[in-house]
PDB file of N, CA and C in Angstrom:
ATOM      1  N   MET A   1    -111.708  11.546 117.465  1.00  0.00           N
ATOM      2  CA  MET A   1    -110.582  11.955 118.288  1.00  0.00           C
ATOM      3  C   MET A   1    -111.064  12.196 119.719  1.00  0.00           C
ATOM      4  N   ALA A   2    -110.189  11.886 120.653  1.00  0.00           N
ATOM      5  CA  ALA A   2    -110.489  12.088 122.070  1.00  0.00           C
ATOM      6  C   ALA A   2    -110.125  13.501 122.484  1.00  0.00           C
ATOM      7  N   SER A   3    -110.664  13.919 123.604  1.00  0.00           N
ATOM      8  CA  SER A   3    -110.297  15.219 124.156  1.00  0.00           C
ATOM      9  C   SER A   3    -110.141  15.080 125.656  1.00  0.00           C
ATOM     10  N   ILE A   4    -109.328  15.966 126.250  1.00  0.00           N
ATOM     11  CA  ILE A   4    -109.114  15.949 127.687  1.00  0.00           C
ATOM     12  C   ILE A   4    -109.227  17.364 128.220  1.00  0.00           C
ATOM     13  N   THR A   5    -109.485  17.461 129.510  1.00  0.00           N
ATOM     14  CA  THR A   5    -109.487  18.739 130.208  1.00  0.00           C
ATOM     15  C   THR A   5    -108.438  18.660 131.300  1.00  0.00           C
ATOM     16  N   ILE A   6    -107.629  19.681 131.410  1.00  0.00           N
ATOM     17  CA  ILE A   6    -106.590  19.716 132.442  1.00  0.00           C
ATOM     18  C   ILE A   6    -106.987  20.760 133.467  1.00  0.00           C
ATOM     19  N   ARG A   7    -107.288  20.290 134.662  1.00  0.00           N
ATOM     20  CA  ARG A   7    -107.702  21.193 135.741  1.00  0.00           C
ATOM     21  C   ARG A   7    -106.508  21.488 136.642  1.00  0.00           C
ATOM     22  N   ASN A   8    -106.623  22.581 137.375  1.00  0.00           N
ATOM     23  CA  ASN A   8    -105.621  22.983 138.387  1.00  0.00           C
ATOM     24  C   ASN A   8    -104.218  23.116 137.801  1.00  0.00           C
ATOM     25  N   LEU A   9    -104.136  23.648 136.602  1.00  0.00           N
ATOM     26  CA  LEU A   9    -102.848  23.897 135.970  1.00  0.00           C
ATOM     27  C   LEU A   9    -102.263  25.176 136.553  1.00  0.00           C
ATOM     28  N   ASP A  10    -101.012  25.109 136.978  1.00  0.00           N
ATOM     29  CA  ASP A  10    -100.363  26.295 137.551  1.00  0.00           C
ATOM     30  C   ASP A  10    -100.360  27.426 136.528  1.00  0.00           C
ATOM     31  N   ASP A  11    -100.553  28.648 137.032  1.00  0.00           N
ATOM     32  CA  ASP A  11    -100.567  29.812 136.147  1.00  0.00           C
ATOM     33  C   ASP A  11     -99.248  29.954 135.393  1.00  0.00           C
ATOM     34  N   ASP A  12     -98.135  29.637 136.056  1.00  0.00           N
ATOM     35  CA  ASP A  12     -96.827  29.755 135.412  1.00  0.00           C
ATOM     36  C   ASP A  12     -96.687  28.755 134.262  1.00  0.00           C
ATOM     37  N   ILE A  13     -97.189  27.540 134.441  1.00  0.00           N
ATOM     38  CA  ILE A  13     -97.137  26.532 133.367  1.00  0.00           C
ATOM     39  C   ILE A  13     -97.972  27.000 132.186  1.00  0.00           C
ATOM     40  N   LYS A  14     -99.152  27.543 132.464  1.00  0.00           N
ATOM     41  CA  LYS A  14    -100.013  28.022 131.388  1.00  0.00           C
ATOM     42  C   LYS A  14     -99.342  29.174 130.633  1.00  0.00           C
ATOM     43  N   ARG A  15     -98.705  30.076 131.373  1.00  0.00           N
ATOM     44  CA  ARG A  15     -98.015  31.203 130.738  1.00  0.00           C
ATOM     45  C   ARG A  15     -96.877  30.699 129.857  1.00  0.00           C
ATOM     46  N   ARG A  16     -96.090  29.743 130.373  1.00  0.00           N
ATOM     47  CA  ARG A  16     -94.970  29.206 129.583  1.00  0.00           C
ATOM     48  C   ARG A  16     -95.463  28.453 128.352  1.00  0.00           C
ATOM     49  N   LEU A  17     -96.590  27.773 128.478  1.00  0.00           N
ATOM     50  CA  LEU A  17     -97.172  27.088 127.326  1.00  0.00           C
ATOM     51  C   LEU A  17     -97.614  28.106 126.279  1.00  0.00           C
ATOM     52  N   ARG A  18     -98.224  29.201 126.736  1.00  0.00           N
ATOM     53  CA  ARG A  18     -98.665  30.251 125.808  1.00  0.00           C
ATOM     54  C   ARG A  18     -97.471  30.867 125.085  1.00  0.00           C
ATOM     55  N   VAL A  19     -96.380  31.133 125.822  1.00  0.00           N
ATOM     56  CA  VAL A  19     -95.174  31.720 125.214  1.00  0.00           C
ATOM     57  C   VAL A  19     -94.552  30.738 124.223  1.00  0.00           C
ATOM     58  N   ARG A  20     -94.462  29.474 124.634  1.00  0.00           N
ATOM     59  CA  ARG A  20     -93.880  28.457 123.748  1.00  0.00           C
ATOM     60  C   ARG A  20     -94.705  28.302 122.478  1.00  0.00           C
ATOM     61  N   ALA A  21     -96.019  28.319 122.621  1.00  0.00           N
ATOM     62  CA  ALA A  21     -96.894  28.204 121.456  1.00  0.00           C
ATOM     63  C   ALA A  21     -96.684  29.393 120.516  1.00  0.00           C
ATOM     64  N   ALA A  22     -96.584  30.588 121.075  1.00  0.00           N
ATOM     65  CA  ALA A  22     -96.366  31.783 120.249  1.00  0.00           C
ATOM     66  C   ALA A  22     -95.022  31.699 119.518  1.00  0.00           C
ATOM     67  N   GLU A  23     -94.002  31.174 120.195  1.00  0.00           N
ATOM     68  CA  GLU A  23     -92.689  31.038 119.560  1.00  0.00           C
ATOM     69  C   GLU A  23     -92.733  30.076 118.374  1.00  0.00           C
ATOM     70  N   HIS A  24     -93.601  29.075 118.452  1.00  0.00           N
ATOM     71  CA  HIS A  24     -93.722  28.104 117.368  1.00  0.00           C
ATOM     72  C   HIS A  24     -94.853  28.433 116.396  1.00  0.00           C
ATOM     73  N   GLY A  25     -95.533  29.545 116.619  1.00  0.00           N
ATOM     74  CA  GLY A  25     -96.611  29.948 115.719  1.00  0.00           C
ATOM     75  C   GLY A  25     -97.819  29.021 115.782  1.00  0.00           C
ATOM     76  N   ARG A  26     -98.108  28.494 116.972  1.00  0.00           N
ATOM     77  CA  ARG A  26     -99.231  27.575 117.146  1.00  0.00           C
ATOM     78  C   ARG A  26    -100.142  28.074 118.251  1.00  0.00           C
ATOM     79  N   SER A  27    -101.326  27.499 118.287  1.00  0.00           N
ATOM     80  CA  SER A  27    -102.226  27.767 119.400  1.00  0.00           C
ATOM     81  C   SER A  27    -101.715  27.004 120.619  1.00  0.00           C
ATOM     82  N   MET A  28    -102.201  27.385 121.799  1.00  0.00           N
ATOM     83  CA  MET A  28    -101.802  26.662 123.008  1.00  0.00           C
ATOM     84  C   MET A  28    -102.256  25.209 122.931  1.00  0.00           C
ATOM     85  N   GLU A  29    -103.433  24.984 122.384  1.00  0.00           N
ATOM     86  CA  GLU A  29    -103.949  23.625 122.266  1.00  0.00           C
ATOM     87  C   GLU A  29    -103.074  22.781 121.346  1.00  0.00           C
ATOM     88  N   GLU A  30    -102.684  23.346 120.209  1.00  0.00           N
ATOM     89  CA  GLU A  30    -101.821  22.607 119.284  1.00  0.00           C
ATOM     90  C   GLU A  30    -100.437  22.382 119.888  1.00  0.00           C
ATOM     91  N   GLU A  31     -99.942  23.351 120.637  1.00  0.00           N
ATOM     92  CA  GLU A  31     -98.644  23.194 121.297  1.00  0.00           C
ATOM     93  C   GLU A  31     -98.706  22.065 122.325  1.00  0.00           C
ATOM     94  N   ALA A  32     -99.792  21.997 123.092  1.00  0.00           N
ATOM     95  CA  ALA A  32     -99.960  20.925 124.075  1.00  0.00           C
ATOM     96  C   ALA A  32    -100.038  19.570 123.366  1.00  0.00           C
ATOM     97  N   ARG A  33    -100.738  19.510 122.232  1.00  0.00           N
ATOM     98  CA  ARG A  33    -100.806  18.263 121.465  1.00  0.00           C
ATOM     99  C   ARG A  33     -99.420  17.850 120.992  1.00  0.00           C
ATOM    100  N   GLU A  34     -98.649  18.808 120.520  1.00  0.00           N
ATOM    101  CA  GLU A  34     -97.301  18.501 120.025  1.00  0.00           C
ATOM    102  C   GLU A  34     -96.402  18.004 121.161  1.00  0.00           C
ATOM    103  N   ILE A  35     -96.500  18.613 122.327  1.00  0.00           N
ATOM    104  CA  ILE A  35     -95.717  18.161 123.483  1.00  0.00           C
ATOM    105  C   ILE A  35     -96.107  16.736 123.847  1.00  0.00           C
ATOM    106  N   LEU A  36     -97.405  16.454 123.873  1.00  0.00           N
ATOM    107  CA  LEU A  36     -97.861  15.103 124.192  1.00  0.00           C
ATOM    108  C   LEU A  36     -97.406  14.101 123.138  1.00  0.00           C
ATOM    109  N   ARG A  37     -97.442  14.485 121.868  1.00  0.00           N
ATOM    110  CA  ARG A  37     -96.949  13.590 120.812  1.00  0.00           C
ATOM    111  C   ARG A  37     -95.477  13.265 121.018  1.00  0.00           C
ATOM    112  N   ASP A  38     -94.698  14.293 121.353  1.00  0.00           N
ATOM    113  CA  ASP A  38     -93.257  14.098 121.543  1.00  0.00           C
ATOM    114  C   ASP A  38     -92.960  13.192 122.733  1.00  0.00           C
ATOM    115  N   VAL A  39     -93.713  13.345 123.802  1.00  0.00           N
ATOM    116  CA  VAL A  39     -93.409  12.614 125.032  1.00  0.00           C
ATOM    117  C   VAL A  39     -94.107  11.260 125.094  1.00  0.00           C
ATOM    118  N   VAL A  40     -95.391  11.239 124.826  1.00  0.00           N
ATOM    119  CA  VAL A  40     -96.164  10.008 124.984  1.00  0.00           C
ATOM    120  C   VAL A  40     -96.237   9.219 123.694  1.00  0.00           C
ATOM    121  N   GLY A  41     -96.176   9.885 122.590  1.00  0.00           N
ATOM    122  CA  GLY A  41     -96.348   9.224 121.311  1.00  0.00           C
ATOM    123  C   GLY A  41     -95.097   8.552 120.785  1.00  0.00           C
ATOM    124  N   ASP A  42     -94.091   8.405 121.624  1.00  0.00           N
ATOM    125  CA  ASP A  42     -92.836   7.781 121.223  1.00  0.00           C
ATOM    126  C   ASP A  42     -93.095   6.335 120.818  1.00  0.00           C
ATOM    127  N   THR A  43     -92.720   5.971 119.603  1.00  0.00           N
ATOM    128  CA  THR A  43     -92.987   4.623 119.106  1.00  0.00           C
ATOM    129  C   THR A  43     -91.759   3.733 119.128  1.00  0.00           C
ATOM    130  N   ARG A  44     -90.688   4.178 119.781  1.00  0.00           N
ATOM    131  CA  ARG A  44     -89.513   3.314 119.898  1.00  0.00           C
ATOM    132  C   ARG A  44     -89.866   2.104 120.743  1.00  0.00           C
ATOM    133  N   PRO A  45     -89.315   0.954 120.413  1.00  0.00           N
ATOM    134  CA  PRO A  45     -89.596  -0.207 121.250  1.00  0.00           C
ATOM    135  C   PRO A  45     -88.993  -0.006 122.639  1.00  0.00           C
ATOM    136  N   PRO A  46     -89.688  -0.413 123.680  1.00  0.00           N
ATOM    137  CA  PRO A  46     -89.148  -0.225 125.026  1.00  0.00           C
ATOM    138  C   PRO A  46     -87.907  -1.094 125.237  1.00  0.00           C
ATOM    139  N   MET A  47     -86.976  -0.564 126.005  1.00  0.00           N
ATOM    140  CA  MET A  47     -85.775  -1.329 126.316  1.00  0.00           C
ATOM    141  C   MET A  47     -86.137  -2.418 127.318  1.00  0.00           C
ATOM    142  N   ASN A  48     -85.560  -3.589 127.154  1.00  0.00           N
ATOM    143  CA  ASN A  48     -85.823  -4.625 128.142  1.00  0.00           C
ATOM    144  C   ASN A  48     -84.918  -4.413 129.349  1.00  0.00           C
ATOM    145  N   LEU A  49     -85.123  -5.195 130.380  1.00  0.00           N
ATOM    146  CA  LEU A  49     -84.389  -5.014 131.626  1.00  0.00           C
ATOM    147  C   LEU A  49     -82.883  -5.146 131.431  1.00  0.00           C
ATOM    148  N   ALA A  50     -82.455  -6.102 130.632  1.00  0.00           N
ATOM    149  CA  ALA A  50     -81.019  -6.296 130.413  1.00  0.00           C
ATOM    150  C   ALA A  50     -80.396  -5.065 129.767  1.00  0.00           C
ATOM    151  N   HIS A  51     -81.073  -4.472 128.792  1.00  0.00           N
ATOM    152  CA  HIS A  51     -80.536  -3.265 128.144  1.00  0.00           C
ATOM    153  C   HIS A  51     -80.484  -2.098 129.122  1.00  0.00           C
ATOM    154  N   ARG A  52     -81.490  -1.973 129.971  1.00  0.00           N
ATOM    155  CA  ARG A  52     -81.500  -0.884 130.950  1.00  0.00           C
ATOM    156  C   ARG A  52     -80.358  -1.044 131.956  1.00  0.00           C
ATOM    157  N   LEU A  53     -80.169  -2.270 132.433  1.00  0.00           N
ATOM    158  CA  LEU A  53     -79.079  -2.500 133.377  1.00  0.00           C
ATOM    159  C   LEU A  53     -77.721  -2.241 132.728  1.00  0.00           C
ATOM    160  N   ARG A  54     -77.555  -2.688 131.487  1.00  0.00           N
ATOM    161  CA  ARG A  54     -76.299  -2.468 130.771  1.00  0.00           C
ATOM    162  C   ARG A  54     -76.048  -0.971 130.582  1.00  0.00           C
ATOM    163  N   ALA A  55     -77.083  -0.220 130.211  1.00  0.00           N
ATOM    164  CA  ALA A  55     -76.932   1.224 130.017  1.00  0.00           C
ATOM    165  C   ALA A  55     -76.562   1.916 131.329  1.00  0.00           C
ATOM    166  N   ARG A  56     -77.172   1.476 132.424  1.00  0.00           N
ATOM    167  CA  ARG A  56     -76.857   2.074 133.720  1.00  0.00           C
ATOM    168  C   ARG A  56     -75.415   1.781 134.115  1.00  0.00           C
ATOM    169  N   ALA A  57     -74.954   0.550 133.879  1.00  0.00           N
ATOM    170  CA  ALA A  57     -73.577   0.183 134.219  1.00  0.00           C
ATOM    171  C   ALA A  57     -72.581   0.940 133.346  1.00  0.00           C
ATOM    172  N   GLU A  58     -72.914   1.175 132.086  1.00  0.00           N
ATOM    173  CA  GLU A  58     -72.015   1.897 131.193  1.00  0.00           C
ATOM    174  C   GLU A  58     -71.789   3.328 131.662  1.00  0.00           C
ATOM    175  N   ARG A  59     -72.803   3.930 132.291  1.00  0.00           N
ATOM    176  CA  ARG A  59     -72.662   5.305 132.765  1.00  0.00           C
ATOM    177  C   ARG A  59     -71.614   5.439 133.853  1.00  0.00           C
ATOM    178  N   ILE A  60     -71.370   4.355 134.600  1.00  0.00           N
ATOM    179  CA  ILE A  60     -70.365   4.413 135.670  1.00  0.00           C
ATOM    180  C   ILE A  60     -69.074   3.724 135.272  1.00  0.00           C
ATOM    181  N   GLY A  61     -68.936   3.419 134.003  1.00  0.00           N
ATOM    182  CA  GLY A  61     -67.699   2.825 133.510  1.00  0.00           C
ATOM    183  C   GLY A  61     -67.728   1.322 133.376  1.00  0.00           C
ATOM    184  N   GLY A  62     -68.875   0.732 133.567  1.00  0.00           N
ATOM    185  CA  GLY A  62     -68.996  -0.712 133.414  1.00  0.00           C
ATOM    186  C   GLY A  62     -68.751  -1.454 134.710  1.00  0.00           C
ATOM    187  N   VAL A  63     -69.076  -2.715 134.712  1.00  0.00           N
ATOM    188  CA  VAL A  63     -68.910  -3.567 135.886  1.00  0.00           C
ATOM    189  C   VAL A  63     -68.355  -4.903 135.420  1.00  0.00           C
ATOM    190  N   ASP A  64     -67.306  -5.376 136.067  1.00  0.00           N
ATOM    191  CA  ASP A  64     -66.745  -6.686 135.758  1.00  0.00           C
ATOM    192  C   ASP A  64     -67.287  -7.692 136.765  1.00  0.00           C
ATOM    193  N   LEU A  65     -67.847  -8.757 136.264  1.00  0.00           N
ATOM    194  CA  LEU A  65     -68.396  -9.803 137.115  1.00  0.00           C
ATOM    195  C   LEU A  65     -67.602 -11.080 136.927  1.00  0.00           C
ATOM    196  N   ASP A  66     -67.375 -11.800 138.016  1.00  0.00           N
ATOM    197  CA  ASP A  66     -66.749 -13.110 137.941  1.00  0.00           C
ATOM    198  C   ASP A  66     -67.846 -14.128 137.681  1.00  0.00           C
ATOM    199  N   LEU A  67     -67.805 -14.745 136.531  1.00  0.00           N
ATOM    200  CA  LEU A  67     -68.828 -15.718 136.179  1.00  0.00           C
ATOM    201  C   LEU A  67     -68.337 -17.112 136.566  1.00  0.00           C
ATOM    202  N   PRO A  68     -69.171 -17.858 137.285  1.00  0.00           N
ATOM    203  CA  PRO A  68     -68.750 -19.211 137.672  1.00  0.00           C
ATOM    204  C   PRO A  68     -68.718 -20.132 136.458  1.00  0.00           C
ATOM    205  N   ALA A  69     -67.872 -21.160 136.542  1.00  0.00           N
ATOM    206  CA  ALA A  69     -67.799 -22.131 135.450  1.00  0.00           C
ATOM    207  C   ALA A  69     -69.110 -22.902 135.385  1.00  0.00           C
ATOM    208  N   ARG A  70     -69.501 -23.266 134.212  1.00  0.00           N
ATOM    209  CA  ARG A  70     -70.742 -24.024 134.033  1.00  0.00           C
ATOM    210  C   ARG A  70     -70.448 -25.515 134.025  1.00  0.00           C
ATOM    211  N   ASP A  71     -71.386 -26.274 134.573  1.00  0.00           N
ATOM    212  CA  ASP A  71     -71.285 -27.731 134.523  1.00  0.00           C
ATOM    213  C   ASP A  71     -71.806 -28.204 133.173  1.00  0.00           C
ATOM    214  N   ALA A  72     -71.458 -29.443 132.857  1.00  0.00           N
ATOM    215  CA  ALA A  72     -71.968 -30.026 131.619  1.00  0.00           C
ATOM    216  C   ALA A  72     -73.481 -30.205 131.738  1.00  0.00           C
ATOM    217  N   ILE A  73     -74.167 -30.180 130.609  1.00  0.00           N
ATOM    218  CA  ILE A  73     -75.614 -30.365 130.590  1.00  0.00           C
ATOM    219  C   ILE A  73     -75.938 -31.808 130.960  1.00  0.00           C
ATOM    220  N   ARG A  74     -76.902 -31.969 131.848  1.00  0.00           N
ATOM    221  CA  ARG A  74     -77.298 -33.316 132.246  1.00  0.00           C
ATOM    222  C   ARG A  74     -78.026 -34.022 131.098  1.00  0.00           C
ATOM    223  N   THR A  75     -77.913 -35.306 131.096  1.00  0.00           N
ATOM    224  CA  THR A  75     -78.638 -36.115 130.111  1.00  0.00           C
ATOM    225  C   THR A  75     -80.091 -36.188 130.578  1.00  0.00           C
ATOM    226  N   PRO A  76     -81.034 -35.897 129.702  1.00  0.00           N
ATOM    227  CA  PRO A  76     -82.432 -35.915 130.124  1.00  0.00           C
ATOM    228  C   PRO A  76     -82.892 -37.321 130.498  1.00  0.00           C
ATOM    229  N   SER A  77     -83.822 -37.376 131.411  1.00  0.00           N
ATOM    230  CA  SER A  77     -84.381 -38.665 131.825  1.00  0.00           C
ATOM    231  C   SER A  77     -85.197 -39.274 130.705  1.00  0.00           C
ATOM    232  N   ALA A  78     -85.137 -40.601 130.626  1.00  0.00           N
ATOM    233  CA  ALA A  78     -85.921 -41.314 129.609  1.00  0.00           C
ATOM    234  C   ALA A  78     -87.084 -41.995 130.332  1.00  0.00           C
ATOM    235  N   PHE A  79     -88.299 -41.630 130.016  1.00  0.00           N
ATOM    236  CA  PHE A  79     -89.469 -42.178 130.679  1.00  0.00           C
ATOM    237  C   PHE A  79     -90.110 -43.331 129.891  1.00  0.00           C
ATOM    238  N   ASP A  80     -89.564 -43.654 128.757  1.00  0.00           N
ATOM    239  CA  ASP A  80     -90.151 -44.704 127.916  1.00  0.00           C
ATOM    240  C   ASP A  80     -89.605 -46.077 128.253  1.00  0.00           C
ATOM    241  N   GLN A  81     -88.754 -46.241 129.226  1.00  0.00           N
ATOM    242  CA  GLN A  81     -88.179 -47.550 129.549  1.00  0.00           C
ATOM    243  C   GLN A  81     -88.753 -48.110 130.814  1.00  0.00           C
TER     244      GLN A  81
END
């Protein structure tokens, strides 16, 4: 297992971590591990760009776009003749 050291941690953050750990009946170290698991250890697949854009548009009620008509597909060139 890896280990890390966190330097220059604000006293208020350390105090809140200690209080939170006590509320959950854990050590400060175990509480920090649990917070990191919750935040960084998320195993959900990342949303792709299209899903992110769709989610953002849904928050404002959606967006209607005028889509241009498509042309017919061109016939591919034949290089064997």
